[in-house]
Amino acid sequence: MDRDARIKRLQFRAWHRGTREADYMMGCYFDRLHQGWDEESLSWFEALLGQEDPDILGWAMGSIPVPPEWQGPMMERMQRLDYIKIN
């Protein structure tokens, strides 16, 4: 799959999680940051999309510990939550 097709697929999946909160958080994170991601970062995000919404939200908000396999700069960036637009 070429990069453009992969980006479109990931964007769709980020915005269609199943809960409004997760849709918004994951969609905003992807839209705001994916332009600077390399293949490793895209793969990390793609794998993260396979996790459960309550887990991802809990990790991002710091209400539950982040498992070692998800720790690192991508999760640290997600935990800032400054990519979410609040009007």
PDB file of N, CA and C in Angstrom:
ATOM      1  N   MET A   1       0.854  -1.175   0.000  1.00  0.00           N
ATOM      2  CA  MET A   1       0.000   0.000   0.000  1.00  0.00           C
ATOM      3  C   MET A   1       0.900   1.239   0.000  1.00  0.00           C
ATOM      4  N   ASP A   2       0.561   2.192  -0.848  1.00  0.00           N
ATOM      5  CA  ASP A   2       1.385   3.401  -0.881  1.00  0.00           C
ATOM      6  C   ASP A   2       1.073   4.293   0.322  1.00  0.00           C
ATOM      7  N   ARG A   3       1.956   5.224   0.574  1.00  0.00           N
ATOM      8  CA  ARG A   3       1.855   6.071   1.767  1.00  0.00           C
ATOM      9  C   ARG A   3       0.557   6.883   1.789  1.00  0.00           C
ATOM     10  N   ASP A   4       0.153   7.455   0.669  1.00  0.00           N
ATOM     11  CA  ASP A   4      -1.071   8.261   0.643  1.00  0.00           C
ATOM     12  C   ASP A   4      -2.301   7.436   1.000  1.00  0.00           C
ATOM     13  N   ALA A   5      -2.389   6.236   0.456  1.00  0.00           N
ATOM     14  CA  ALA A   5      -3.516   5.359   0.772  1.00  0.00           C
ATOM     15  C   ALA A   5      -3.487   4.967   2.249  1.00  0.00           C
ATOM     16  N   ARG A   6      -2.316   4.703   2.752  1.00  0.00           N
ATOM     17  CA  ARG A   6      -2.179   4.340   4.168  1.00  0.00           C
ATOM     18  C   ARG A   6      -2.603   5.499   5.067  1.00  0.00           C
ATOM     19  N   ILE A   7      -2.187   6.714   4.719  1.00  0.00           N
ATOM     20  CA  ILE A   7      -2.560   7.901   5.495  1.00  0.00           C
ATOM     21  C   ILE A   7      -4.078   8.062   5.514  1.00  0.00           C
ATOM     22  N   LYS A   8      -4.713   7.926   4.362  1.00  0.00           N
ATOM     23  CA  LYS A   8      -6.177   8.070   4.287  1.00  0.00           C
ATOM     24  C   LYS A   8      -6.879   7.012   5.129  1.00  0.00           C
ATOM     25  N   ARG A   9      -6.378   5.785   5.078  1.00  0.00           N
ATOM     26  CA  ARG A   9      -6.980   4.708   5.863  1.00  0.00           C
ATOM     27  C   ARG A   9      -6.815   4.966   7.358  1.00  0.00           C
ATOM     28  N   LEU A  10      -5.622   5.391   7.767  1.00  0.00           N
ATOM     29  CA  LEU A  10      -5.390   5.688   9.182  1.00  0.00           C
ATOM     30  C   LEU A  10      -6.237   6.866   9.647  1.00  0.00           C
ATOM     31  N   GLN A  11      -6.372   7.873   8.811  1.00  0.00           N
ATOM     32  CA  GLN A  11      -7.197   9.024   9.181  1.00  0.00           C
ATOM     33  C   GLN A  11      -8.650   8.596   9.385  1.00  0.00           C
ATOM     34  N   PHE A  12      -9.164   7.792   8.491  1.00  0.00           N
ATOM     35  CA  PHE A  12     -10.536   7.307   8.635  1.00  0.00           C
ATOM     36  C   PHE A  12     -10.689   6.518   9.931  1.00  0.00           C
ATOM     37  N   ARG A  13      -9.768   5.605  10.183  1.00  0.00           N
ATOM     38  CA  ARG A  13      -9.845   4.788  11.398  1.00  0.00           C
ATOM     39  C   ARG A  13      -9.708   5.630  12.664  1.00  0.00           C
ATOM     40  N   ALA A  14      -8.881   6.674  12.611  1.00  0.00           N
ATOM     41  CA  ALA A  14      -8.709   7.545  13.779  1.00  0.00           C
ATOM     42  C   ALA A  14      -9.999   8.287  14.108  1.00  0.00           C
ATOM     43  N   TRP A  15     -10.738   8.692  13.090  1.00  0.00           N
ATOM     44  CA  TRP A  15     -11.971   9.461  13.289  1.00  0.00           C
ATOM     45  C   TRP A  15     -13.214   8.590  13.461  1.00  0.00           C
ATOM     46  N   HIS A  16     -13.080   7.282  13.340  1.00  0.00           N
ATOM     47  CA  HIS A  16     -14.226   6.371  13.452  1.00  0.00           C
ATOM     48  C   HIS A  16     -13.903   5.248  14.432  1.00  0.00           C
ATOM     49  N   ARG A  17     -13.721   5.618  15.680  1.00  0.00           N
ATOM     50  CA  ARG A  17     -13.311   4.690  16.726  1.00  0.00           C
ATOM     51  C   ARG A  17     -14.487   3.937  17.330  1.00  0.00           C
ATOM     52  N   GLY A  18     -15.591   4.614  17.547  1.00  0.00           N
ATOM     53  CA  GLY A  18     -16.727   3.974  18.199  1.00  0.00           C
ATOM     54  C   GLY A  18     -17.311   4.821  19.309  1.00  0.00           C
ATOM     55  N   THR A  19     -16.498   5.663  19.925  1.00  0.00           N
ATOM     56  CA  THR A  19     -17.020   6.615  20.907  1.00  0.00           C
ATOM     57  C   THR A  19     -16.625   8.015  20.457  1.00  0.00           C
ATOM     58  N   ARG A  20     -17.487   8.949  20.723  1.00  0.00           N
ATOM     59  CA  ARG A  20     -17.238  10.328  20.289  1.00  0.00           C
ATOM     60  C   ARG A  20     -15.936  10.877  20.870  1.00  0.00           C
ATOM     61  N   GLU A  21     -15.689  10.589  22.147  1.00  0.00           N
ATOM     62  CA  GLU A  21     -14.477  11.087  22.808  1.00  0.00           C
ATOM     63  C   GLU A  21     -13.214  10.538  22.148  1.00  0.00           C
ATOM     64  N   ALA A  22     -13.213   9.232  21.895  1.00  0.00           N
ATOM     65  CA  ALA A  22     -12.044   8.614  21.261  1.00  0.00           C
ATOM     66  C   ALA A  22     -11.895   9.078  19.815  1.00  0.00           C
ATOM     67  N   ASP A  23     -13.023   9.216  19.108  1.00  0.00           N
ATOM     68  CA  ASP A  23     -12.963   9.738  17.733  1.00  0.00           C
ATOM     69  C   ASP A  23     -12.260  11.085  17.718  1.00  0.00           C
ATOM     70  N   TYR A  24     -12.679  11.959  18.606  1.00  0.00           N
ATOM     71  CA  TYR A  24     -12.156  13.318  18.600  1.00  0.00           C
ATOM     72  C   TYR A  24     -10.682  13.360  19.015  1.00  0.00           C
ATOM     73  N   MET A  25     -10.350  12.624  20.072  1.00  0.00           N
ATOM     74  CA  MET A  25      -8.966  12.637  20.531  1.00  0.00           C
ATOM     75  C   MET A  25      -8.030  12.036  19.479  1.00  0.00           C
ATOM     76  N   MET A  26      -8.356  10.857  18.993  1.00  0.00           N
ATOM     77  CA  MET A  26      -7.484  10.180  18.029  1.00  0.00           C
ATOM     78  C   MET A  26      -7.463  10.905  16.686  1.00  0.00           C
ATOM     79  N   GLY A  27      -8.617  11.407  16.262  1.00  0.00           N
ATOM     80  CA  GLY A  27      -8.681  12.130  14.997  1.00  0.00           C
ATOM     81  C   GLY A  27      -7.881  13.416  15.027  1.00  0.00           C
ATOM     82  N   CYS A  28      -8.023  14.180  16.102  1.00  0.00           N
ATOM     83  CA  CYS A  28      -7.254  15.429  16.231  1.00  0.00           C
ATOM     84  C   CYS A  28      -5.760  15.142  16.325  1.00  0.00           C
ATOM     85  N   TYR A  29      -5.393  14.125  17.091  1.00  0.00           N
ATOM     86  CA  TYR A  29      -3.982  13.745  17.222  1.00  0.00           C
ATOM     87  C   TYR A  29      -3.403  13.432  15.840  1.00  0.00           C
ATOM     88  N   PHE A  30      -4.116  12.606  15.098  1.00  0.00           N
ATOM     89  CA  PHE A  30      -3.630  12.227  13.774  1.00  0.00           C
ATOM     90  C   PHE A  30      -3.551  13.436  12.840  1.00  0.00           C
ATOM     91  N   ASP A  31      -4.636  14.187  12.746  1.00  0.00           N
ATOM     92  CA  ASP A  31      -4.675  15.320  11.810  1.00  0.00           C
ATOM     93  C   ASP A  31      -3.592  16.350  12.103  1.00  0.00           C
ATOM     94  N   ARG A  32      -3.364  16.608  13.364  1.00  0.00           N
ATOM     95  CA  ARG A  32      -2.417  17.656  13.741  1.00  0.00           C
ATOM     96  C   ARG A  32      -0.954  17.231  13.589  1.00  0.00           C
ATOM     97  N   LEU A  33      -0.680  15.926  13.731  1.00  0.00           N
ATOM     98  CA  LEU A  33       0.716  15.500  13.860  1.00  0.00           C
ATOM     99  C   LEU A  33       1.250  14.551  12.789  1.00  0.00           C
ATOM    100  N   HIS A  34       0.420  13.895  12.031  1.00  0.00           N
ATOM    101  CA  HIS A  34       0.908  12.812  11.165  1.00  0.00           C
ATOM    102  C   HIS A  34       1.869  13.256  10.067  1.00  0.00           C
ATOM    103  N   GLN A  35       1.847  14.516   9.683  1.00  0.00           N
ATOM    104  CA  GLN A  35       2.720  14.969   8.593  1.00  0.00           C
ATOM    105  C   GLN A  35       4.199  14.739   8.903  1.00  0.00           C
ATOM    106  N   GLY A  36       4.578  14.793  10.157  1.00  0.00           N
ATOM    107  CA  GLY A  36       5.976  14.613  10.534  1.00  0.00           C
ATOM    108  C   GLY A  36       6.359  13.184  10.880  1.00  0.00           C
ATOM    109  N   TRP A  37       5.446  12.241  10.746  1.00  0.00           N
ATOM    110  CA  TRP A  37       5.713  10.866  11.139  1.00  0.00           C
ATOM    111  C   TRP A  37       6.457  10.088  10.059  1.00  0.00           C
ATOM    112  N   ASP A  38       7.398   9.265  10.517  1.00  0.00           N
ATOM    113  CA  ASP A  38       8.076   8.339   9.616  1.00  0.00           C
ATOM    114  C   ASP A  38       7.308   7.008   9.623  1.00  0.00           C
ATOM    115  N   GLU A  39       7.825   6.015   8.927  1.00  0.00           N
ATOM    116  CA  GLU A  39       7.139   4.721   8.828  1.00  0.00           C
ATOM    117  C   GLU A  39       6.972   4.055  10.192  1.00  0.00           C
ATOM    118  N   GLU A  40       7.971   4.188  11.050  1.00  0.00           N
ATOM    119  CA  GLU A  40       7.884   3.595  12.389  1.00  0.00           C
ATOM    120  C   GLU A  40       6.756   4.237  13.193  1.00  0.00           C
ATOM    121  N   SER A  41       6.620   5.539  13.100  1.00  0.00           N
ATOM    122  CA  SER A  41       5.558   6.250  13.818  1.00  0.00           C
ATOM    123  C   SER A  41       4.188   5.884  13.265  1.00  0.00           C
ATOM    124  N   LEU A  42       4.077   5.783  11.949  1.00  0.00           N
ATOM    125  CA  LEU A  42       2.807   5.362  11.347  1.00  0.00           C
ATOM    126  C   LEU A  42       2.431   3.957  11.805  1.00  0.00           C
ATOM    127  N   SER A  43       3.409   3.071  11.873  1.00  0.00           N
ATOM    128  CA  SER A  43       3.147   1.698  12.324  1.00  0.00           C
ATOM    129  C   SER A  43       2.722   1.674  13.785  1.00  0.00           C
ATOM    130  N   TRP A  44       3.345   2.510  14.617  1.00  0.00           N
ATOM    131  CA  TRP A  44       2.965   2.601  16.030  1.00  0.00           C
ATOM    132  C   TRP A  44       1.512   3.038  16.140  1.00  0.00           C
ATOM    133  N   PHE A  45       1.146   4.085  15.416  1.00  0.00           N
ATOM    134  CA  PHE A  45      -0.221   4.596  15.476  1.00  0.00           C
ATOM    135  C   PHE A  45      -1.210   3.564  14.939  1.00  0.00           C
ATOM    136  N   GLU A  46      -0.847   2.901  13.866  1.00  0.00           N
ATOM    137  CA  GLU A  46      -1.704   1.875  13.288  1.00  0.00           C
ATOM    138  C   GLU A  46      -1.967   0.760  14.298  1.00  0.00           C
ATOM    139  N   ALA A  47      -0.937   0.333  15.004  1.00  0.00           N
ATOM    140  CA  ALA A  47      -1.097  -0.696  16.034  1.00  0.00           C
ATOM    141  C   ALA A  47      -1.926  -0.170  17.203  1.00  0.00           C
ATOM    142  N   LEU A  48      -1.723   1.086  17.572  1.00  0.00           N
ATOM    143  CA  LEU A  48      -2.498   1.682  18.664  1.00  0.00           C
ATOM    144  C   LEU A  48      -3.986   1.675  18.345  1.00  0.00           C
ATOM    145  N   LEU A  49      -4.334   1.873  17.086  1.00  0.00           N
ATOM    146  CA  LEU A  49      -5.738   1.868  16.688  1.00  0.00           C
ATOM    147  C   LEU A  49      -6.407   0.521  16.948  1.00  0.00           C
ATOM    148  N   GLY A  50      -5.632  -0.520  17.136  1.00  0.00           N
ATOM    149  CA  GLY A  50      -6.174  -1.834  17.455  1.00  0.00           C
ATOM    150  C   GLY A  50      -6.475  -2.032  18.932  1.00  0.00           C
ATOM    151  N   GLN A  51      -6.126  -1.057  19.755  1.00  0.00           N
ATOM    152  CA  GLN A  51      -6.363  -1.143  21.197  1.00  0.00           C
ATOM    153  C   GLN A  51      -7.768  -0.628  21.533  1.00  0.00           C
ATOM    154  N   GLU A  52      -8.221  -0.948  22.717  1.00  0.00           N
ATOM    155  CA  GLU A  52      -9.559  -0.540  23.161  1.00  0.00           C
ATOM    156  C   GLU A  52      -9.597   0.949  23.510  1.00  0.00           C
ATOM    157  N   ASP A  53     -10.707   1.602  23.165  1.00  0.00           N
ATOM    158  CA  ASP A  53     -10.867   3.035  23.441  1.00  0.00           C
ATOM    159  C   ASP A  53     -10.654   3.402  24.909  1.00  0.00           C
ATOM    160  N   PRO A  54     -11.259   2.673  25.868  1.00  0.00           N
ATOM    161  CA  PRO A  54     -11.050   3.060  27.273  1.00  0.00           C
ATOM    162  C   PRO A  54      -9.577   3.018  27.687  1.00  0.00           C
ATOM    163  N   ASP A  55      -8.833   2.069  27.144  1.00  0.00           N
ATOM    164  CA  ASP A  55      -7.403   1.986  27.456  1.00  0.00           C
ATOM    165  C   ASP A  55      -6.658   3.189  26.888  1.00  0.00           C
ATOM    166  N   ILE A  56      -6.882   3.480  25.611  1.00  0.00           N
ATOM    167  CA  ILE A  56      -6.189   4.603  24.970  1.00  0.00           C
ATOM    168  C   ILE A  56      -6.510   5.911  25.686  1.00  0.00           C
ATOM    169  N   LEU A  57      -7.780   6.134  25.980  1.00  0.00           N
ATOM    170  CA  LEU A  57      -8.174   7.364  26.677  1.00  0.00           C
ATOM    171  C   LEU A  57      -7.539   7.429  28.060  1.00  0.00           C
ATOM    172  N   GLY A  58      -7.528   6.316  28.767  1.00  0.00           N
ATOM    173  CA  GLY A  58      -6.918   6.270  30.095  1.00  0.00           C
ATOM    174  C   GLY A  58      -5.425   6.541  30.061  1.00  0.00           C
ATOM    175  N   TRP A  59      -4.734   5.980  29.083  1.00  0.00           N
ATOM    176  CA  TRP A  59      -3.295   6.219  28.943  1.00  0.00           C
ATOM    177  C   TRP A  59      -3.033   7.682  28.629  1.00  0.00           C
ATOM    178  N   ALA A  60      -3.829   8.232  27.713  1.00  0.00           N
ATOM    179  CA  ALA A  60      -3.623   9.623  27.295  1.00  0.00           C
ATOM    180  C   ALA A  60      -3.892  10.598  28.436  1.00  0.00           C
ATOM    181  N   MET A  61      -4.894  10.308  29.242  1.00  0.00           N
ATOM    182  CA  MET A  61      -5.261  11.222  30.331  1.00  0.00           C
ATOM    183  C   MET A  61      -4.518  10.927  31.624  1.00  0.00           C
ATOM    184  N   GLY A  62      -3.758   9.840  31.646  1.00  0.00           N
ATOM    185  CA  GLY A  62      -2.972   9.509  32.825  1.00  0.00           C
ATOM    186  C   GLY A  62      -3.756   8.848  33.939  1.00  0.00           C
ATOM    187  N   SER A  63      -4.964   8.371  33.637  1.00  0.00           N
ATOM    188  CA  SER A  63      -5.764   7.735  34.684  1.00  0.00           C
ATOM    189  C   SER A  63      -5.421   6.261  34.873  1.00  0.00           C
ATOM    190  N   ILE A  64      -4.765   5.666  33.895  1.00  0.00           N
ATOM    191  CA  ILE A  64      -4.253   4.304  34.040  1.00  0.00           C
ATOM    192  C   ILE A  64      -2.819   4.272  33.492  1.00  0.00           C
ATOM    193  N   PRO A  65      -1.973   3.420  34.056  1.00  0.00           N
ATOM    194  CA  PRO A  65      -0.573   3.366  33.607  1.00  0.00           C
ATOM    195  C   PRO A  65      -0.457   2.897  32.156  1.00  0.00           C
ATOM    196  N   VAL A  66       0.493   3.458  31.458  1.00  0.00           N
ATOM    197  CA  VAL A  66       0.761   3.069  30.070  1.00  0.00           C
ATOM    198  C   VAL A  66       1.616   1.804  30.087  1.00  0.00           C
ATOM    199  N   PRO A  67       1.169   0.736  29.416  1.00  0.00           N
ATOM    200  CA  PRO A  67       1.995  -0.469  29.346  1.00  0.00           C
ATOM    201  C   PRO A  67       3.333  -0.172  28.653  1.00  0.00           C
ATOM    202  N   PRO A  68       4.368  -0.910  29.012  1.00  0.00           N
ATOM    203  CA  PRO A  68       5.701  -0.648  28.448  1.00  0.00           C
ATOM    204  C   PRO A  68       5.738  -0.604  26.923  1.00  0.00           C
ATOM    205  N   GLU A  69       4.941  -1.452  26.268  1.00  0.00           N
ATOM    206  CA  GLU A  69       4.987  -1.501  24.803  1.00  0.00           C
ATOM    207  C   GLU A  69       4.431  -0.249  24.137  1.00  0.00           C
ATOM    208  N   TRP A  70       3.708   0.581  24.888  1.00  0.00           N
ATOM    209  CA  TRP A  70       3.140   1.818  24.326  1.00  0.00           C
ATOM    210  C   TRP A  70       3.860   3.066  24.825  1.00  0.00           C
ATOM    211  N   GLN A  71       4.794   2.904  25.739  1.00  0.00           N
ATOM    212  CA  GLN A  71       5.538   4.053  26.257  1.00  0.00           C
ATOM    213  C   GLN A  71       6.517   4.575  25.211  1.00  0.00           C
ATOM    214  N   GLY A  72       6.790   5.866  25.270  1.00  0.00           N
ATOM    215  CA  GLY A  72       7.750   6.465  24.352  1.00  0.00           C
ATOM    216  C   GLY A  72       7.283   7.832  23.887  1.00  0.00           C
ATOM    217  N   PRO A  73       7.999   8.416  22.948  1.00  0.00           N
ATOM    218  CA  PRO A  73       7.706   9.788  22.526  1.00  0.00           C
ATOM    219  C   PRO A  73       6.326   9.983  21.906  1.00  0.00           C
ATOM    220  N   MET A  74       5.812   8.983  21.197  1.00  0.00           N
ATOM    221  CA  MET A  74       4.479   9.133  20.593  1.00  0.00           C
ATOM    222  C   MET A  74       3.406   9.208  21.680  1.00  0.00           C
ATOM    223  N   MET A  75       3.506   8.350  22.703  1.00  0.00           N
ATOM    224  CA  MET A  75       2.525   8.390  23.790  1.00  0.00           C
ATOM    225  C   MET A  75       2.708   9.648  24.621  1.00  0.00           C
ATOM    226  N   GLU A  76       3.943  10.040  24.863  1.00  0.00           N
ATOM    227  CA  GLU A  76       4.183  11.275  25.621  1.00  0.00           C
ATOM    228  C   GLU A  76       3.556  12.465  24.910  1.00  0.00           C
ATOM    229  N   ARG A  77       3.658  12.479  23.601  1.00  0.00           N
ATOM    230  CA  ARG A  77       3.044  13.565  22.824  1.00  0.00           C
ATOM    231  C   ARG A  77       1.527  13.493  22.920  1.00  0.00           C
ATOM    232  N   MET A  78       0.976  12.285  22.879  1.00  0.00           N
ATOM    233  CA  MET A  78      -0.468  12.114  22.998  1.00  0.00           C
ATOM    234  C   MET A  78      -0.957  12.611  24.356  1.00  0.00           C
ATOM    235  N   GLN A  79      -0.169  12.382  25.398  1.00  0.00           N
ATOM    236  CA  GLN A  79      -0.568  12.767  26.747  1.00  0.00           C
ATOM    237  C   GLN A  79      -0.606  14.278  26.961  1.00  0.00           C
ATOM    238  N   ARG A  80       0.002  15.041  26.095  1.00  0.00           N
ATOM    239  CA  ARG A  80      -0.069  16.508  26.224  1.00  0.00           C
ATOM    240  C   ARG A  80      -1.478  17.031  25.977  1.00  0.00           C
ATOM    241  N   LEU A  81      -2.209  16.376  25.109  1.00  0.00           N
ATOM    242  CA  LEU A  81      -3.593  16.733  24.766  1.00  0.00           C
ATOM    243  C   LEU A  81      -3.746  18.135  24.178  1.00  0.00           C
ATOM    244  N   ASP A  82      -2.655  18.771  23.788  1.00  0.00           N
ATOM    245  CA  ASP A  82      -2.743  20.129  23.250  1.00  0.00           C
ATOM    246  C   ASP A  82      -3.132  20.167  21.773  1.00  0.00           C
ATOM    247  N   TYR A  83      -3.302  19.024  21.174  1.00  0.00           N
ATOM    248  CA  TYR A  83      -3.721  18.926  19.778  1.00  0.00           C
ATOM    249  C   TYR A  83      -5.244  18.946  19.650  1.00  0.00           C
ATOM    250  N   ILE A  84      -5.943  18.868  20.772  1.00  0.00           N
ATOM    251  CA  ILE A  84      -7.406  18.865  20.771  1.00  0.00           C
ATOM    252  C   ILE A  84      -7.910  20.297  20.780  1.00  0.00           C
ATOM    253  N   LYS A  85      -8.776  20.599  19.826  1.00  0.00           N
ATOM    254  CA  LYS A  85      -9.356  21.938  19.736  1.00  0.00           C
ATOM    255  C   LYS A  85     -10.559  22.024  20.669  1.00  0.00           C
ATOM    256  N   ILE A  86     -10.505  22.971  21.576  1.00  0.00           N
ATOM    257  CA  ILE A  86     -11.628  23.204  22.489  1.00  0.00           C
ATOM    258  C   ILE A  86     -12.106  24.625  22.259  1.00  0.00           C
ATOM    259  N   ASN A  87     -13.326  24.749  21.780  1.00  0.00           N
ATOM    260  CA  ASN A  87     -13.873  26.082  21.483  1.00  0.00           C
ATOM    261  C   ASN A  87     -14.799  26.548  22.571  1.00  0.00           C
TER     262      ASN A  87
END
